[in-house]
C-alpha atoms as a PDB file:
ATOM      1  CA  MET A   1       0.000   0.000   0.000  1.00  0.00           C
ATOM      2  CA  ILE A   2       1.362   3.405  -0.988  1.00  0.00           C
ATOM      3  CA  HIS A   3       0.511   6.334   1.254  1.00  0.00           C
ATOM      4  CA  SER A   4       0.375   9.880  -0.056  1.00  0.00           C
ATOM      5  CA  ASN A   5       3.791  10.718   1.381  1.00  0.00           C
ATOM      6  CA  ASP A   6       5.305   7.577  -0.206  1.00  0.00           C
ATOM      7  CA  THR A   7       4.437   8.362  -3.824  1.00  0.00           C
ATOM      8  CA  ALA A   8       7.874   9.752  -4.638  1.00  0.00           C
ATOM      9  CA  ALA A   9       9.507   6.508  -3.532  1.00  0.00           C
ATOM     10  CA  ALA A  10       7.310   4.595  -5.985  1.00  0.00           C
ATOM     11  CA  GLN A  11       8.218   6.762  -8.992  1.00  0.00           C
ATOM     12  CA  PRO A  12      11.199   6.091 -11.267  1.00  0.00           C
ATOM     13  CA  ASN A  13      14.003   8.571 -11.786  1.00  0.00           C
ATOM     14  CA  ILE A  14      12.798  11.499 -13.885  1.00  0.00           C
ATOM     15  CA  LEU A  15      14.843  13.567 -16.275  1.00  0.00           C
ATOM     16  CA  SER A  16      14.464  17.326 -16.392  1.00  0.00           C
ATOM     17  CA  LEU A  17      15.482  19.040 -19.616  1.00  0.00           C
ATOM     18  CA  ARG A  18      15.466  22.667 -20.637  1.00  0.00           C
ATOM     19  CA  ASN A  19      15.097  22.998 -24.365  1.00  0.00           C
ATOM     20  CA  THR A  20      16.727  26.232 -25.415  1.00  0.00           C
ATOM     21  CA  GLY A  21      16.947  25.077 -29.001  1.00  0.00           C
ATOM     22  CA  GLY A  22      20.024  24.222 -30.936  1.00  0.00           C
ATOM     23  CA  GLU A  23      20.921  20.805 -32.181  1.00  0.00           C
ATOM     24  CA  ASN A  24      23.892  20.557 -29.811  1.00  0.00           C
ATOM     25  CA  HIS A  25      21.926  21.267 -26.651  1.00  0.00           C
ATOM     26  CA  HIS A  26      23.165  19.131 -23.715  1.00  0.00           C
ATOM     27  CA  ILE A  27      26.408  18.190 -25.487  1.00  0.00           C
ATOM     28  CA  TRP A  28      29.849  19.771 -25.631  1.00  0.00           C
ATOM     29  CA  ASN A  29      33.211  18.977 -27.152  1.00  0.00           C
ATOM     30  CA  ASN A  30      35.995  18.363 -24.650  1.00  0.00           C
ATOM     31  CA  ASN A  31      39.383  18.018 -26.367  1.00  0.00           C
ATOM     32  CA  GLY A  32      37.871  16.308 -29.397  1.00  0.00           C
ATOM     33  CA  THR A  33      35.440  13.955 -27.608  1.00  0.00           C
ATOM     34  CA  TRP A  34      31.743  14.801 -27.235  1.00  0.00           C
ATOM     35  CA  TRP A  35      30.130  14.710 -23.781  1.00  0.00           C
ATOM     36  CA  VAL A  36      26.524  14.992 -22.562  1.00  0.00           C
ATOM     37  CA  HIS A  37      25.139  16.599 -19.409  1.00  0.00           C
ATOM     38  CA  TYR A  38      21.675  16.333 -17.858  1.00  0.00           C
ATOM     39  CA  THR A  39      19.910  16.354 -14.474  1.00  0.00           C
ATOM     40  CA  VAL A  40      18.075  13.364 -12.990  1.00  0.00           C
ATOM     41  CA  HIS A  41      15.458  13.948 -10.272  1.00  0.00           C
ATOM     42  CA  LEU A  42      15.486  11.123  -7.737  1.00  0.00           C
ATOM     43  CA  PRO A  43      12.576   9.687  -5.732  1.00  0.00           C
ATOM     44  CA  ASP A  44      13.909  11.277  -2.501  1.00  0.00           C
ATOM     45  CA  TYR A  45      13.409  14.761  -4.018  1.00  0.00           C
ATOM     46  CA  THR A  46      17.107  15.297  -4.654  1.00  0.00           C
ATOM     47  CA  ALA A  47      18.690  15.864  -8.050  1.00  0.00           C
ATOM     48  CA  GLN A  48      21.813  14.440  -9.580  1.00  0.00           C
ATOM     49  CA  ARG A  49      23.740  16.255 -12.308  1.00  0.00           C
ATOM     50  CA  VAL A  50      25.241  13.771 -14.741  1.00  0.00           C
ATOM     51  CA  ARG A  51      28.081  14.338 -17.170  1.00  0.00           C
ATOM     52  CA  ARG A  52      29.343  11.466 -19.276  1.00  0.00           C
ATOM     53  CA  SER A  53      31.382  10.871 -22.376  1.00  0.00           C
ATOM     54  CA  LEU A  54      29.534   9.944 -25.540  1.00  0.00           C
ATOM     55  CA  GLY A  55      32.697   8.225 -26.746  1.00  0.00           C
ATOM     56  CA  THR A  56      32.792   9.783 -30.185  1.00  0.00           C
ATOM     57  CA  LYS A  57      34.567  12.577 -32.020  1.00  0.00           C
ATOM     58  CA  ASP A  58      31.754  12.885 -34.597  1.00  0.00           C
ATOM     59  CA  VAL A  59      29.097  15.470 -33.724  1.00  0.00           C
ATOM     60  CA  ALA A  60      26.329  13.687 -35.687  1.00  0.00           C
ATOM     61  CA  GLU A  61      27.041  10.452 -33.813  1.00  0.00           C
ATOM     62  CA  ALA A  62      27.158  12.382 -30.520  1.00  0.00           C
ATOM     63  CA  ARG A  63      23.692  13.822 -31.198  1.00  0.00           C
ATOM     64  CA  ARG A  64      22.337  10.353 -31.990  1.00  0.00           C
ATOM     65  CA  ARG A  65      23.853   8.871 -28.803  1.00  0.00           C
ATOM     66  CA  ARG A  66      22.548  11.796 -26.722  1.00  0.00           C
ATOM     67  CA  ASP A  67      19.039  11.287 -28.091  1.00  0.00           C
ATOM     68  CA  GLU A  68      19.155   7.538 -27.381  1.00  0.00           C
ATOM     69  CA  LEU A  69      20.420   8.126 -23.851  1.00  0.00           C
ATOM     70  CA  LEU A  70      17.859  10.783 -22.952  1.00  0.00           C
ATOM     71  CA  ALA A  71      14.982   8.758 -24.462  1.00  0.00           C
ATOM     72  CA  ARG A  72      15.438   6.183 -21.667  1.00  0.00           C
ATOM     73  CA  PHE A  73      14.039   8.547 -19.018  1.00  0.00           C
ATOM     74  CA  PRO A  74      10.500   9.789 -18.361  1.00  0.00           C
ATOM     75  CA  LEU A  75      10.515  13.578 -18.761  1.00  0.00           C
ATOM     76  CA  VAL A  76       9.276  16.474 -16.658  1.00  0.00           C
ATOM     77  CA  ARG A  77       8.593  19.571 -18.723  1.00  0.00           C
END
């Protein structure tokens, strides 16, 4: 049984994205390798900022990998 104050514990991690436009939003080039950054909101009402390598030097591939990664999370808009 889930009580009203336990609903956050029952929810999965949620991704919060700000879309300011631009096809390279959430990615940046660090010495030739593309990285992604995003924020995950956790069930305990805390947030975790994530930065990880996309493992590619090709910007088109980086965009594709970013989109695949971010599609795994439910979104809050």
